[in-house]
Amino acid sequence: MVFNGTFSLAMVLIRDALLDAGILLRLRAGSPAFWDADPAVPTADPEVVSLVDAAFVDDERFMLTARLPEELDAAVDVVLHAVCDIYDRLNLTINWKAGKSECFLTYRGANHLRQQAAMSYGPLASKVFGSVVMDASLKIWLMHSLVLSRLLFNVHVVVPTRRYLQVLNGMYMRVLRRVGDAPRFGHSETDLEIRTRLKQPSLDCLVMRARLRYLGRLVRSSPPALLALLAARPGGARLPWVTLLVSDLGKLRELVALCSTLPPPEGTASAWVTFISDSPARWANAVSMLFFTDSCCDRGGAAPVGGGTRPFACHQCDARFATAKARDQHLRIRHHVRCLQRSYAGADATCPVCHAVFALRLRLLPHLCDARRPACWEAIRACPARYPPLPQKQVAELDDLDKVQRREAQRQGLSHAPAQGPARRADGSDRWARPCLDPWSALFQHNLIRLALHWDNE
């Protein structure tokens, strides 16, 4: 009891130290219906959650993630300093012997999973999976128990690319071909024909089942930190994994009779949450009934089923894309959908939020459309009354002038219309003239600007 009390106090102090150092991320609290959350809806007093969780085990473990290696190195230094200082104050000791306290920096992917599955499959390839005596149903059961348990380990938390699925599918089909006695060399059946004959789902279906089973655990356990992370909307859009999950729910509703009476997953998430939480056995049964044999890994250019590797869908046709940038380009070219920022870019080429003056309106539009620096566009969206759009007739006239400038630049062999000078602040000073800052100071200054804009809008 004394040890547990002291250890729990150490965990609290370490958490507070990491919060003070800015290592921990704080987000608005989410709900079990995280895929249907609307960040644009204001709340009077939103609950804030720190993305930290703890569980008592025999040993202590810290997991850190970062966008860049240098950021990860800095975070490791902060954690080590906090842990050593707090343990020393509480008279706790750390065993620094080899094999006791270590730091692992690992980068795992599909190849690691394939190697783990191959280690289980290799010794049994001929004696078990290639046996002419053993029944095929027993071989398939052993495949799920021994091979797929390693091949699909934690695959439900990944947003898989086409290459990622191809690596896993190669191992999966290798086992199925051995079970079905259909080697790849010579005149052989296709992967789709093998799966159809053995009545086995595609790898896309197995990964989709894993994500949906994980959704059931998320809804029933409702971990606050994880729900807050999944409900986040960076740039106003869902996380790619959440977009993928919404596509999975739509596929489940389409193929499984148990879910056919449920409303579409977008906009009516509460009905799905009620079904998952109140009927866990029915939900597990519905997920196990999900079955299809098509795969994006098959030859012949088959499209990913259910948006497995193309989570960004066009809202005007059935096309799907791997990135939001590709989808937006498709909307511009095929459906002539223009960006909304055009309605807030006037002839004076001045940003309505930060009041920066650009040489051309064509230079102002990238400033408002830049997804990496969305502060000005977010301010416009948050306060439509303060930043009214321009009349459509005026926007059309400005677009025609921009088109003329683009054509003139193309005749000169340029990709963009050249600007006559740099962007200027409202006081006439150079917008880009600023003292040289180190990366951390620049990031801190950028966050201060965004916070000031947020206060100004409120």
Protein backbone atom coordinates (compact mmCIF):
# COMPACT_ATOMS: atom_id res chain seq x y z
CA MET A 1 0.00 0.00 0.00
CA VAL A 2 2.86 2.39 0.85
CA PHE A 3 4.57 1.66 -2.47
CA ASN A 4 1.37 2.09 -4.48
CA GLY A 5 0.61 5.40 -2.75
CA THR A 6 4.12 6.73 -3.39
CA PHE A 7 4.14 5.44 -6.96
CA SER A 8 0.75 7.01 -7.76
CA LEU A 9 2.01 10.33 -6.37
CA ALA A 10 5.05 10.06 -8.64
CA MET A 11 2.79 9.51 -11.64
CA VAL A 12 0.74 12.60 -10.82
CA LEU A 13 3.87 14.73 -10.39
CA ILE A 14 5.35 13.44 -13.65
CA ARG A 15 2.10 14.21 -15.47
CA ASP A 16 2.07 17.77 -14.09
CA ALA A 17 5.72 18.25 -15.02
CA LEU A 18 5.09 17.13 -18.59
CA LEU A 19 2.08 19.45 -18.80
CA ASP A 20 4.21 22.38 -17.62
CA ALA A 21 6.87 21.49 -20.20
CA GLY A 22 4.31 21.43 -23.00
CA ILE A 23 4.91 17.76 -23.83
CA LEU A 24 1.30 16.70 -23.30
CA LEU A 25 -1.42 17.73 -25.74
CA ARG A 26 -4.71 19.16 -24.46
CA LEU A 27 -7.90 18.88 -26.54
CA ARG A 28 -11.61 19.44 -26.11
CA ALA A 29 -13.30 16.37 -24.61
CA GLY A 30 -14.85 13.95 -27.11
CA SER A 31 -17.81 11.56 -26.96
CA PRO A 32 -18.42 7.96 -28.08
CA ALA A 33 -19.93 9.45 -31.26
CA PHE A 34 -16.58 11.05 -32.07
CA TRP A 35 -16.92 10.66 -35.86
CA ASP A 36 -20.00 12.91 -35.83
CA ALA A 37 -18.56 15.71 -33.68
CA ASP A 38 -18.86 19.23 -35.09
CA PRO A 39 -16.01 21.49 -33.91
CA ALA A 40 -17.72 24.53 -35.47
CA VAL A 41 -20.53 24.36 -32.87
CA PRO A 42 -19.46 26.64 -29.96
CA THR A 43 -19.87 25.53 -26.37
CA ALA A 44 -20.12 27.81 -23.34
CA ASP A 45 -17.57 25.99 -21.22
CA PRO A 46 -15.90 23.16 -23.17
CA GLU A 47 -14.27 20.42 -21.12
CA VAL A 48 -10.56 20.03 -21.83
CA VAL A 49 -8.78 16.67 -21.67
CA SER A 50 -5.05 16.01 -21.48
CA LEU A 51 -3.91 13.19 -23.71
CA VAL A 52 -2.38 11.12 -20.94
CA ASP A 53 -3.44 7.78 -19.49
CA ALA A 54 -1.96 5.45 -16.90
CA ALA A 55 -2.25 1.83 -15.81
CA PHE A 56 -0.44 0.02 -13.00
CA VAL A 57 1.90 -2.68 -14.26
CA ASP A 58 5.05 -4.33 -12.94
CA ASP A 59 7.25 -1.83 -14.77
CA GLU A 60 6.87 1.79 -15.79
CA ARG A 61 6.76 2.75 -19.45
CA PHE A 62 6.56 6.08 -21.26
CA MET A 63 5.54 6.28 -24.92
CA LEU A 64 6.38 9.44 -26.86
CA THR A 65 5.51 10.42 -30.42
CA ALA A 66 6.57 13.45 -32.45
CA ARG A 67 6.44 14.73 -35.99
CA LEU A 68 10.20 15.22 -36.32
CA PRO A 69 13.21 13.31 -34.90
CA GLU A 70 14.59 16.45 -33.23
CA GLU A 71 11.27 17.04 -31.48
CA LEU A 72 11.31 13.45 -30.22
CA ASP A 73 14.87 13.85 -28.91
CA ALA A 74 13.87 17.01 -27.03
CA ALA A 75 10.81 15.28 -25.53
CA VAL A 76 12.96 12.35 -24.35
CA ASP A 77 15.27 14.78 -22.54
CA VAL A 78 12.31 16.44 -20.80
CA VAL A 79 10.84 13.11 -19.68
CA LEU A 80 14.16 11.82 -18.34
CA HIS A 81 14.78 15.00 -16.39
CA ALA A 82 11.26 14.96 -14.90
CA VAL A 83 11.37 11.28 -13.94
CA CYS A 84 14.82 11.43 -12.34
CA ASP A 85 14.02 14.62 -10.41
CA ILE A 86 10.66 13.40 -9.07
CA TYR A 87 11.95 9.92 -8.19
CA ASP A 88 14.82 11.50 -6.26
CA ARG A 89 12.43 13.73 -4.27
CA LEU A 90 10.27 10.72 -3.33
CA ASN A 91 13.27 8.48 -2.48
CA LEU A 92 12.48 6.11 -5.36
CA THR A 93 15.31 4.51 -7.30
CA ILE A 94 15.68 3.52 -10.96
CA ASN A 95 17.49 0.35 -11.96
CA TRP A 96 19.84 1.49 -14.73
CA LYS A 97 21.36 -1.95 -15.32
CA ALA A 98 21.43 -3.41 -18.84
CA GLY A 99 18.11 -4.88 -19.82
CA LYS A 100 16.26 -3.04 -17.03
CA SER A 101 15.93 0.62 -18.05
CA GLU A 102 16.24 1.17 -21.78
CA CYS A 103 15.01 3.49 -24.50
CA PHE A 104 13.74 2.03 -27.74
CA LEU A 105 13.26 4.12 -30.89
CA THR A 106 11.46 1.81 -33.31
CA TYR A 107 9.81 2.39 -36.66
CA ARG A 108 7.50 -0.48 -37.44
CA GLY A 109 5.42 -1.11 -40.54
CA ALA A 110 3.93 -3.78 -42.78
CA ASN A 111 7.28 -5.53 -43.38
CA HIS A 112 7.70 -6.14 -39.65
CA LEU A 113 4.24 -7.76 -39.45
CA ARG A 114 4.97 -9.89 -42.49
CA GLN A 115 8.21 -11.15 -40.95
CA GLN A 116 6.44 -12.08 -37.72
CA ALA A 117 3.74 -13.97 -39.62
CA ALA A 118 6.34 -15.74 -41.79
CA MET A 119 8.10 -17.00 -38.65
CA SER A 120 4.88 -18.80 -37.67
CA TYR A 121 4.02 -20.01 -41.16
CA GLY A 122 7.45 -21.21 -42.35
CA PRO A 123 7.90 -24.28 -40.10
CA LEU A 124 4.33 -25.44 -40.80
CA ALA A 125 4.13 -24.65 -44.52
CA SER A 126 4.63 -28.21 -45.81
CA LYS A 127 3.78 -30.39 -42.83
CA VAL A 128 0.51 -28.70 -41.90
CA PHE A 129 -0.75 -26.24 -44.53
CA GLY A 130 0.48 -28.42 -47.42
CA SER A 131 -0.70 -31.71 -45.91
CA VAL A 132 -2.99 -33.86 -48.08
CA VAL A 133 -4.41 -35.60 -45.01
CA MET A 134 -5.52 -32.61 -42.95
CA ASP A 135 -8.90 -31.07 -43.72
CA ALA A 136 -8.94 -27.60 -45.31
CA SER A 137 -11.21 -26.20 -42.60
CA LEU A 138 -8.66 -27.14 -39.92
CA LYS A 139 -5.86 -25.55 -41.95
CA ILE A 140 -7.84 -22.32 -42.21
CA TRP A 141 -8.53 -22.35 -38.49
CA LEU A 142 -4.80 -22.74 -37.83
CA MET A 143 -4.08 -19.93 -40.30
CA HIS A 144 -6.30 -17.55 -38.33
CA SER A 145 -4.84 -18.69 -35.02
CA LEU A 146 -1.13 -18.82 -35.86
CA VAL A 147 -0.55 -16.55 -38.87
CA LEU A 148 -3.23 -13.87 -39.04
CA SER A 149 -2.96 -13.14 -35.32
CA ARG A 150 0.55 -11.84 -36.05
CA LEU A 151 -0.02 -10.53 -39.56
CA LEU A 152 -2.94 -8.31 -38.50
CA PHE A 153 -1.53 -7.27 -35.12
CA ASN A 154 -2.65 -3.66 -34.41
CA VAL A 155 -3.54 -3.18 -38.08
CA HIS A 156 -6.84 -1.64 -36.96
CA VAL A 157 -5.10 1.55 -35.82
CA VAL A 158 -3.33 2.15 -39.16
CA VAL A 159 -4.52 4.18 -42.14
CA PRO A 160 -3.16 1.72 -44.72
CA THR A 161 -1.76 2.73 -48.07
CA ARG A 162 -2.12 0.48 -51.10
CA ARG A 163 1.49 -0.66 -50.70
CA TYR A 164 0.90 -1.47 -47.01
CA LEU A 165 -2.03 -3.75 -47.88
CA GLN A 166 -0.10 -5.37 -50.73
CA VAL A 167 2.68 -6.40 -48.36
CA LEU A 168 0.22 -7.99 -45.94
CA ASN A 169 -1.86 -9.51 -48.74
CA GLY A 170 1.22 -11.24 -50.18
CA MET A 171 1.64 -13.24 -46.96
CA TYR A 172 -2.10 -13.88 -46.63
CA MET A 173 -2.43 -15.24 -50.17
CA ARG A 174 0.74 -17.29 -49.76
CA VAL A 175 -0.96 -19.25 -46.97
CA LEU A 176 -4.29 -19.52 -48.82
CA ARG A 177 -2.58 -20.79 -51.97
CA ARG A 178 -0.79 -23.46 -49.93
CA VAL A 179 -4.09 -24.48 -48.33
CA GLY A 180 -5.86 -24.54 -51.71
CA ASP A 181 -2.94 -26.30 -53.47
CA ALA A 182 -2.69 -23.53 -56.05
CA PRO A 183 0.92 -22.32 -56.50
CA ARG A 184 1.57 -19.08 -58.33
CA PHE A 185 3.86 -20.55 -60.99
CA GLY A 186 2.41 -21.98 -64.20
CA HIS A 187 -1.25 -21.71 -65.14
CA SER A 188 -2.92 -20.93 -61.84
CA GLU A 189 -6.02 -19.37 -60.40
CA THR A 190 -6.09 -15.69 -59.54
CA ASP A 191 -6.10 -14.52 -55.93
CA LEU A 192 -9.78 -13.64 -56.21
CA GLU A 193 -10.63 -17.11 -57.54
CA ILE A 194 -8.68 -18.72 -54.69
CA ARG A 195 -10.56 -16.73 -52.05
CA THR A 196 -13.90 -17.45 -53.73
CA ARG A 197 -13.22 -21.19 -53.91
CA LEU A 198 -12.09 -21.39 -50.28
CA LYS A 199 -14.89 -18.98 -49.18
CA GLN A 200 -12.42 -16.70 -47.46
CA PRO A 201 -12.68 -12.91 -47.21
CA SER A 202 -10.17 -10.54 -48.73
CA LEU A 203 -7.52 -8.85 -46.63
CA ASP A 204 -9.48 -5.60 -47.03
CA CYS A 205 -12.44 -7.28 -45.33
CA LEU A 206 -10.30 -8.62 -42.48
CA VAL A 207 -8.80 -5.20 -41.80
CA MET A 208 -12.26 -3.62 -41.93
CA ARG A 209 -13.56 -6.16 -39.41
CA ALA A 210 -10.64 -5.37 -37.10
CA ARG A 211 -11.41 -1.64 -37.20
CA LEU A 212 -15.11 -2.22 -36.49
CA ARG A 213 -14.35 -4.56 -33.57
CA TYR A 214 -12.03 -1.90 -32.20
CA LEU A 215 -14.84 0.66 -32.56
CA GLY A 216 -17.01 -1.54 -30.33
CA ARG A 217 -14.35 -1.50 -27.61
CA LEU A 218 -13.93 2.27 -27.97
CA VAL A 219 -17.65 2.99 -27.60
CA ARG A 220 -18.10 0.72 -24.58
CA SER A 221 -14.95 1.74 -22.67
CA SER A 222 -14.99 5.43 -23.76
CA PRO A 223 -11.40 6.38 -22.79
CA PRO A 224 -11.48 10.18 -22.42
CA ALA A 225 -8.01 10.89 -23.83
CA LEU A 226 -8.49 8.74 -26.93
CA LEU A 227 -12.00 10.08 -27.64
CA ALA A 228 -10.69 13.64 -27.40
CA LEU A 229 -7.96 12.82 -29.92
CA LEU A 230 -10.37 11.13 -32.35
CA ALA A 231 -12.87 14.00 -32.09
CA ALA A 232 -10.22 16.56 -33.07
CA ARG A 233 -10.72 18.30 -36.41
CA PRO A 234 -7.37 19.72 -37.61
CA GLY A 235 -8.14 22.17 -40.38
CA GLY A 236 -11.87 21.51 -39.95
CA ALA A 237 -11.63 17.95 -41.34
CA ARG A 238 -11.84 14.54 -39.70
CA LEU A 239 -8.71 12.56 -39.01
CA PRO A 240 -7.97 10.12 -41.86
CA TRP A 241 -8.60 7.13 -39.57
CA VAL A 242 -12.01 8.50 -38.57
CA THR A 243 -12.89 9.09 -42.24
CA LEU A 244 -11.91 5.50 -42.92
CA LEU A 245 -14.11 4.29 -40.06
CA VAL A 246 -17.15 6.17 -41.40
CA SER A 247 -16.60 4.43 -44.75
CA ASP A 248 -16.43 1.06 -42.94
CA LEU A 249 -19.75 1.74 -41.19
CA GLY A 250 -21.35 2.56 -44.53
CA LYS A 251 -20.07 -0.73 -45.96
CA LEU A 252 -21.37 -2.64 -42.92
CA ARG A 253 -24.81 -1.05 -43.33
CA GLU A 254 -24.82 -1.99 -47.01
CA LEU A 255 -23.79 -5.65 -46.69
CA VAL A 256 -25.08 -6.84 -43.29
CA ALA A 257 -28.82 -7.21 -42.69
CA LEU A 258 -28.49 -6.55 -38.94
CA CYS A 259 -27.30 -3.01 -39.68
CA SER A 260 -29.48 -2.27 -42.71
CA THR A 261 -32.16 -0.60 -40.55
CA LEU A 262 -29.68 1.81 -38.98
CA PRO A 263 -29.44 5.34 -40.46
CA PRO A 264 -26.37 6.42 -42.43
CA PRO A 265 -23.36 6.83 -40.10
CA GLU A 266 -22.78 10.47 -40.99
CA GLY A 267 -25.02 12.85 -39.10
CA THR A 268 -26.75 10.15 -37.04
CA ALA A 269 -23.95 8.65 -34.98
CA SER A 270 -26.09 8.41 -31.84
CA ALA A 271 -28.11 5.51 -33.26
CA TRP A 272 -24.92 3.56 -33.98
CA VAL A 273 -23.53 4.29 -30.50
CA THR A 274 -26.74 3.06 -28.90
CA PHE A 275 -26.68 -0.14 -30.96
CA ILE A 276 -23.02 -0.85 -30.14
CA SER A 277 -23.27 -0.11 -26.41
CA ASP A 278 -26.66 -1.74 -25.73
CA SER A 279 -26.19 -4.86 -27.88
CA PRO A 280 -22.50 -5.89 -27.82
CA ALA A 281 -23.30 -9.47 -28.85
CA ARG A 282 -25.36 -8.31 -31.85
CA TRP A 283 -22.61 -5.87 -32.82
CA ALA A 284 -19.96 -8.61 -32.70
CA ASN A 285 -22.24 -10.85 -34.76
CA ALA A 286 -22.82 -8.09 -37.34
CA VAL A 287 -19.08 -7.47 -37.71
CA SER A 288 -18.37 -11.20 -38.13
CA MET A 289 -21.06 -11.35 -40.86
CA LEU A 290 -19.29 -8.69 -42.93
CA PHE A 291 -17.90 -10.55 -45.93
CA PHE A 292 -16.54 -9.69 -49.36
CA THR A 293 -13.77 -11.16 -51.48
CA ASP A 294 -12.78 -8.18 -53.62
CA SER A 295 -9.49 -6.49 -52.79
CA CYS A 296 -7.62 -3.42 -53.93
CA CYS A 297 -4.51 -5.65 -54.07
CA ASP A 298 -5.84 -7.79 -56.92
CA ARG A 299 -4.33 -7.29 -60.35
CA GLY A 300 -6.37 -5.47 -62.94
CA GLY A 301 -6.65 -2.15 -61.13
CA ALA A 302 -9.51 -3.07 -58.83
CA ALA A 303 -10.58 -0.08 -56.75
CA PRO A 304 -10.22 -0.33 -52.98
CA VAL A 305 -13.43 -1.73 -51.51
CA GLY A 306 -15.13 0.50 -48.98
CA GLY A 307 -12.56 3.25 -49.43
CA GLY A 308 -9.96 1.18 -47.56
CA THR A 309 -6.97 3.07 -48.98
CA ARG A 310 -8.84 6.05 -50.46
CA PRO A 311 -10.74 7.62 -47.58
CA PHE A 312 -11.48 10.97 -49.31
CA ALA A 313 -14.66 10.73 -51.38
CA CYS A 314 -16.01 13.19 -53.94
CA HIS A 315 -19.45 14.41 -52.84
CA GLN A 316 -20.58 14.82 -56.45
CA CYS A 317 -19.61 11.42 -57.90
CA ASP A 318 -18.35 7.97 -56.78
CA ALA A 319 -14.64 8.76 -57.15
CA ARG A 320 -12.38 8.27 -54.11
CA PHE A 321 -8.87 9.58 -53.48
CA ALA A 322 -5.93 8.86 -51.19
CA THR A 323 -5.44 12.51 -50.17
CA ALA A 324 -7.63 15.56 -49.72
CA LYS A 325 -5.41 17.46 -52.17
CA ALA A 326 -6.16 14.93 -54.93
CA ARG A 327 -9.88 15.13 -54.18
CA ASP A 328 -9.86 18.93 -54.32
CA GLN A 329 -8.01 18.86 -57.63
CA HIS A 330 -10.63 16.47 -59.00
CA LEU A 331 -13.41 18.82 -57.84
CA ARG A 332 -11.77 21.79 -59.58
CA ILE A 333 -11.12 20.03 -62.88
CA ARG A 334 -14.07 17.67 -63.24
CA HIS A 335 -16.86 19.47 -61.40
CA HIS A 336 -15.59 23.08 -61.61
CA VAL A 337 -15.87 23.59 -57.85
CA ARG A 338 -13.95 26.69 -56.79
CA CYS A 339 -12.54 27.50 -53.36
CA LEU A 340 -14.65 29.55 -50.94
CA GLN A 341 -11.74 31.87 -50.17
CA ARG A 342 -12.37 33.68 -53.49
CA SER A 343 -15.39 35.40 -51.93
CA TYR A 344 -13.20 37.06 -49.28
CA ALA A 345 -10.34 38.23 -51.52
CA GLY A 346 -11.04 41.73 -52.81
CA ALA A 347 -9.42 43.77 -55.56
CA ASP A 348 -7.12 45.49 -53.03
CA ALA A 349 -5.49 42.09 -52.29
CA THR A 350 -5.69 42.71 -48.52
CA CYS A 351 -6.30 39.91 -46.01
CA PRO A 352 -9.44 40.83 -44.03
CA VAL A 353 -8.06 39.26 -40.83
CA CYS A 354 -4.34 40.06 -40.50
CA HIS A 355 -4.58 43.05 -42.93
CA ALA A 356 -1.51 41.98 -44.87
CA VAL A 357 -1.40 43.68 -48.29
CA PHE A 358 -0.31 41.51 -51.22
CA ALA A 359 0.87 42.62 -54.64
CA LEU A 360 -1.80 40.58 -56.43
CA ARG A 361 -5.10 38.95 -55.56
CA LEU A 362 -3.57 35.73 -56.87
CA ARG A 363 -1.01 36.01 -54.05
CA LEU A 364 -3.69 36.60 -51.42
CA LEU A 365 -5.63 33.44 -52.33
CA PRO A 366 -2.77 31.01 -51.42
CA HIS A 367 -2.42 32.89 -48.11
CA LEU A 368 -6.08 32.19 -47.28
CA CYS A 369 -6.03 28.62 -48.66
CA ASP A 370 -2.80 27.46 -46.98
CA ALA A 371 -3.76 24.44 -44.86
CA ARG A 372 -0.48 24.70 -42.92
CA ARG A 373 -1.34 28.23 -41.68
CA PRO A 374 -5.13 28.26 -41.39
CA ALA A 375 -5.44 30.99 -38.73
CA CYS A 376 -6.89 33.67 -41.03
CA TRP A 377 -9.33 31.33 -42.78
CA GLU A 378 -10.44 29.84 -39.46
CA ALA A 379 -11.14 33.35 -38.16
CA ILE A 380 -13.30 34.10 -41.22
CA ARG A 381 -15.27 30.89 -40.79
CA ALA A 382 -15.73 31.47 -37.06
CA CYS A 383 -17.09 35.03 -37.49
CA PRO A 384 -19.16 35.25 -40.70
CA ALA A 385 -20.91 38.40 -39.47
CA ARG A 386 -17.60 40.24 -39.03
CA TYR A 387 -16.18 39.06 -42.38
CA PRO A 388 -19.04 39.13 -44.93
CA PRO A 389 -18.39 37.63 -48.39
CA LEU A 390 -18.16 39.76 -51.51
CA PRO A 391 -21.08 39.87 -53.99
CA GLN A 392 -20.97 37.03 -56.48
CA LYS A 393 -20.93 39.42 -59.44
CA GLN A 394 -17.83 41.16 -58.10
CA VAL A 395 -16.15 37.79 -57.40
CA ALA A 396 -16.81 36.69 -60.99
CA GLU A 397 -15.27 39.91 -62.36
CA LEU A 398 -12.18 39.46 -60.18
CA ASP A 399 -11.86 35.83 -61.32
CA ASP A 400 -11.87 36.99 -64.94
CA LEU A 401 -9.05 39.44 -64.21
CA ASP A 402 -7.08 36.66 -62.48
CA LYS A 403 -7.57 34.44 -65.52
CA VAL A 404 -6.09 37.13 -67.77
CA GLN A 405 -3.05 37.46 -65.48
CA ARG A 406 -2.53 33.71 -65.46
CA ARG A 407 -2.64 33.51 -69.28
CA GLU A 408 -0.17 36.36 -69.59
CA ALA A 409 2.20 34.62 -67.17
CA GLN A 410 1.92 31.36 -69.14
CA ARG A 411 2.79 33.18 -72.38
CA GLN A 412 5.96 34.36 -70.64
CA GLY A 413 6.80 30.78 -69.64
CA LEU A 414 5.89 31.26 -65.96
CA SER A 415 3.66 29.04 -63.83
CA HIS A 416 2.34 31.94 -61.70
CA ALA A 417 1.76 35.62 -62.22
CA PRO A 418 4.88 37.40 -60.90
CA ALA A 419 4.40 39.75 -57.95
CA GLN A 420 5.81 43.26 -58.11
CA GLY A 421 6.93 43.15 -54.48
CA PRO A 422 6.64 41.35 -51.15
CA ALA A 423 3.52 41.36 -49.00
CA ARG A 424 3.23 44.34 -46.64
CA ARG A 425 1.61 44.89 -43.29
CA ALA A 426 -1.04 47.56 -42.79
CA ASP A 427 1.64 50.00 -41.54
CA GLY A 428 3.64 49.54 -44.75
CA SER A 429 6.44 47.42 -43.27
CA ASP A 430 7.63 44.24 -44.93
CA ARG A 431 5.41 41.40 -43.76
CA TRP A 432 8.27 38.89 -43.93
CA ALA A 433 10.93 41.11 -42.32
CA ARG A 434 11.39 39.70 -38.84
CA PRO A 435 14.32 38.78 -36.59
CA CYS A 436 15.87 35.37 -37.14
CA LEU A 437 14.26 32.97 -34.69
CA ASP A 438 15.15 29.42 -33.79
CA PRO A 439 12.45 26.83 -34.67
CA TRP A 440 11.00 26.63 -31.14
CA SER A 441 10.74 30.43 -30.79
CA ALA A 442 9.14 30.67 -34.23
CA LEU A 443 6.60 28.01 -33.28
CA PHE A 444 5.85 29.82 -30.01
CA GLN A 445 5.35 33.12 -31.86
CA HIS A 446 3.05 31.45 -34.40
CA ASN A 447 0.89 30.00 -31.60
CA LEU A 448 0.70 33.42 -29.93
CA ILE A 449 -0.58 34.96 -33.17
CA ARG A 450 -3.25 32.26 -33.53
CA LEU A 451 -4.28 32.73 -29.88
CA ALA A 452 -4.55 36.51 -30.33
CA LEU A 453 -6.74 36.03 -33.41
CA HIS A 454 -8.93 33.63 -31.43
CA TRP A 455 -9.39 36.16 -28.62
CA ASP A 456 -10.05 38.92 -31.14
CA ASN A 457 -12.81 36.88 -32.80
CA GLU A 458 -14.48 36.17 -29.48
